[in-house]
C-alpha atoms as a PDB file:
ATOM      1  CA  MET A   1       0.000   0.000   0.000  1.00  0.00           C
ATOM      2  CA  ALA A   2       1.092   3.554  -0.679  1.00  0.00           C
ATOM      3  CA  CYS A   3       0.834   6.551   1.640  1.00  0.00           C
ATOM      4  CA  GLY A   4      -2.525   6.308   3.409  1.00  0.00           C
ATOM      5  CA  GLU A   5      -4.046   3.937   0.894  1.00  0.00           C
ATOM      6  CA  SER A   6      -6.269   1.146   2.195  1.00  0.00           C
ATOM      7  CA  ARG A   7      -7.524  -1.818   0.255  1.00  0.00           C
ATOM      8  CA  VAL A   8     -10.677  -3.751   1.015  1.00  0.00           C
ATOM      9  CA  ALA A   9     -11.398  -7.282  -0.186  1.00  0.00           C
ATOM     10  CA  THR A  10     -14.825  -8.001  -1.579  1.00  0.00           C
ATOM     11  CA  GLY A  11     -16.953 -10.920  -0.504  1.00  0.00           C
ATOM     12  CA  GLY A  12     -20.517 -11.787   0.328  1.00  0.00           C
ATOM     13  CA  ASP A  13     -19.786 -12.905   3.895  1.00  0.00           C
ATOM     14  CA  GLY A  14     -19.118  -9.501   5.462  1.00  0.00           C
ATOM     15  CA  ALA A  15     -15.352  -9.854   4.971  1.00  0.00           C
ATOM     16  CA  ALA A  16     -15.192  -6.561   3.096  1.00  0.00           C
ATOM     17  CA  GLU A  17     -16.904  -4.704   5.919  1.00  0.00           C
ATOM     18  CA  ILE A  18     -14.686  -6.289   8.566  1.00  0.00           C
ATOM     19  CA  LYS A  19     -11.526  -5.512   6.618  1.00  0.00           C
ATOM     20  CA  GLN A  20     -12.720  -1.951   6.065  1.00  0.00           C
ATOM     21  CA  ILE A  21     -13.353  -1.503   9.800  1.00  0.00           C
ATOM     22  CA  VAL A  22      -9.941  -2.968  10.633  1.00  0.00           C
ATOM     23  CA  ALA A  23      -8.288  -0.658   8.086  1.00  0.00           C
ATOM     24  CA  LEU A  24     -10.048   2.380   9.591  1.00  0.00           C
ATOM     25  CA  LEU A  25      -9.080   1.339  13.131  1.00  0.00           C
ATOM     26  CA  MET A  26      -5.471   0.865  12.077  1.00  0.00           C
ATOM     27  CA  ARG A  27      -5.417   4.295  10.458  1.00  0.00           C
ATOM     28  CA  LEU A  28      -6.931   5.835  13.597  1.00  0.00           C
ATOM     29  CA  PHE A  29      -4.311   4.069  15.710  1.00  0.00           C
ATOM     30  CA  PHE A  30      -1.470   5.424  13.578  1.00  0.00           C
ATOM     31  CA  VAL A  31      -2.926   8.950  13.625  1.00  0.00           C
ATOM     32  CA  MET A  32      -3.202   8.758  17.423  1.00  0.00           C
ATOM     33  CA  LEU A  33       0.312   7.315  17.719  1.00  0.00           C
ATOM     34  CA  HIS A  34       1.745  10.047  15.513  1.00  0.00           C
ATOM     35  CA  SER A  35      -0.092  12.670  17.572  1.00  0.00           C
ATOM     36  CA  CYS A  36       1.611  11.299  20.673  1.00  0.00           C
ATOM     37  CA  LEU A  37       4.999  11.383  18.957  1.00  0.00           C
ATOM     38  CA  VAL A  38       4.441  15.013  17.970  1.00  0.00           C
ATOM     39  CA  CYS A  39       3.622  15.827  21.617  1.00  0.00           C
ATOM     40  CA  VAL A  40       6.966  14.475  22.797  1.00  0.00           C
ATOM     41  CA  GLY A  41       8.892  16.082  19.942  1.00  0.00           C
ATOM     42  CA  LEU A  42       9.578  12.996  17.821  1.00  0.00           C
ATOM     43  CA  THR A  43       9.073  14.614  14.448  1.00  0.00           C
ATOM     44  CA  ASP A  44      11.425  15.000  11.517  1.00  0.00           C
ATOM     45  CA  ARG A  45      13.183  18.111  10.278  1.00  0.00           C
ATOM     46  CA  TYR A  46      14.272  18.029   6.642  1.00  0.00           C
ATOM     47  CA  PHE A  47      16.975  20.343   5.318  1.00  0.00           C
ATOM     48  CA  THR A  48      17.815  20.694   1.617  1.00  0.00           C
ATOM     49  CA  PRO A  49      19.843  23.136  -0.477  1.00  0.00           C
ATOM     50  CA  ASN A  50      16.615  24.571  -1.949  1.00  0.00           C
ATOM     51  CA  GLY A  51      14.668  24.533   1.319  1.00  0.00           C
ATOM     52  CA  ASN A  52      11.957  22.193   0.046  1.00  0.00           C
ATOM     53  CA  ALA A  53      11.060  18.584   0.857  1.00  0.00           C
ATOM     54  CA  THR A  54       9.389  15.960  -1.301  1.00  0.00           C
ATOM     55  CA  LEU A  55       8.600  12.346  -0.492  1.00  0.00           C
ATOM     56  CA  ASN A  56       8.109   9.491  -2.915  1.00  0.00           C
ATOM     57  CA  CYS A  57       4.661   8.001  -2.355  1.00  0.00           C
ATOM     58  CA  GLY A  58       3.661   5.196  -4.673  1.00  0.00           C
ATOM     59  CA  GLY A  59       6.008   6.402  -7.409  1.00  0.00           C
ATOM     60  CA  LYS A  60       4.885  10.039  -7.157  1.00  0.00           C
ATOM     61  CA  ASN A  61       6.980  12.821  -5.668  1.00  0.00           C
ATOM     62  CA  LEU A  62       4.782  14.828  -3.315  1.00  0.00           C
ATOM     63  CA  ALA A  63       5.630  17.935  -1.357  1.00  0.00           C
ATOM     64  CA  LEU A  64       5.779  17.386   2.396  1.00  0.00           C
ATOM     65  CA  ASP A  65       2.785  19.701   2.830  1.00  0.00           C
ATOM     66  CA  ASP A  66       0.733  17.506   0.467  1.00  0.00           C
ATOM     67  CA  VAL A  67       1.728  14.306   2.299  1.00  0.00           C
ATOM     68  CA  GLN A  68       0.699  15.883   5.598  1.00  0.00           C
ATOM     69  CA  GLN A  69      -2.676  17.056   4.269  1.00  0.00           C
ATOM     70  CA  GLN A  70      -3.623  14.075   2.104  1.00  0.00           C
ATOM     71  CA  PHE A  71      -2.340  11.177   4.193  1.00  0.00           C
ATOM     72  CA  HIS A  72      -1.861  12.607   7.697  1.00  0.00           C
ATOM     73  CA  ASN A  73       1.743  11.349   7.610  1.00  0.00           C
ATOM     74  CA  GLU A  74       4.755  13.402   8.690  1.00  0.00           C
ATOM     75  CA  VAL A  75       2.427  15.636  10.725  1.00  0.00           C
ATOM     76  CA  GLY A  76       4.599  18.039  12.671  1.00  0.00           C
ATOM     77  CA  SER A  77       7.627  17.491  10.442  1.00  0.00           C
ATOM     78  CA  THR A  78       9.207  20.603   8.972  1.00  0.00           C
ATOM     79  CA  PHE A  79      11.585  21.525   6.157  1.00  0.00           C
ATOM     80  CA  GLY A  80      13.890  24.362   5.341  1.00  0.00           C
ATOM     81  CA  PRO A  81      17.205  25.391   3.821  1.00  0.00           C
ATOM     82  CA  LEU A  82      20.465  23.837   4.956  1.00  0.00           C
ATOM     83  CA  PRO A  83      21.582  25.363   8.244  1.00  0.00           C
ATOM     84  CA  ALA A  84      24.971  26.988   8.648  1.00  0.00           C
ATOM     85  CA  PRO A  85      27.759  24.589   9.649  1.00  0.00           C
ATOM     86  CA  THR A  86      28.096  26.380  12.996  1.00  0.00           C
ATOM     87  CA  GLU A  87      24.425  25.646  13.702  1.00  0.00           C
ATOM     88  CA  VAL A  88      24.895  21.927  12.954  1.00  0.00           C
ATOM     89  CA  LEU A  89      27.914  21.853  15.281  1.00  0.00           C
ATOM     90  CA  ARG A  90      25.866  23.535  18.016  1.00  0.00           C
ATOM     91  CA  TRP A  91      23.157  20.857  17.636  1.00  0.00           C
ATOM     92  CA  ALA A  92      25.800  18.140  17.895  1.00  0.00           C
ATOM     93  CA  GLN A  93      27.270  19.711  21.037  1.00  0.00           C
ATOM     94  CA  GLU A  94      23.818  19.902  22.636  1.00  0.00           C
ATOM     95  CA  ARG A  95      23.164  16.255  21.787  1.00  0.00           C
ATOM     96  CA  VAL A  96      26.488  15.084  23.210  1.00  0.00           C
ATOM     97  CA  ARG A  97      25.947  17.063  26.420  1.00  0.00           C
ATOM     98  CA  GLY A  98      22.635  15.245  26.849  1.00  0.00           C
ATOM     99  CA  TRP A  99      24.312  11.803  26.893  1.00  0.00           C
END
């Protein structure tokens, strides 16, 4: 499956409905889990030379904003231009001090 896509089997015995319910519950679980991760600061920060971020979803390159809106993935993640080397070194120093 690709980014937020769910597939439901068809059948006359209620299997399709059960699989659809399970798929919806799983999606709800992942949305709730991601919400918890955002609360504790476990989100991604993407840095690129052009300051943009795209993700490959099912063979399509989508902007991070589109992935967040369409699939509720990467919620809380941010993107921007490459930081200055001194900034990266400061982050590393902060991380090492926290060990």
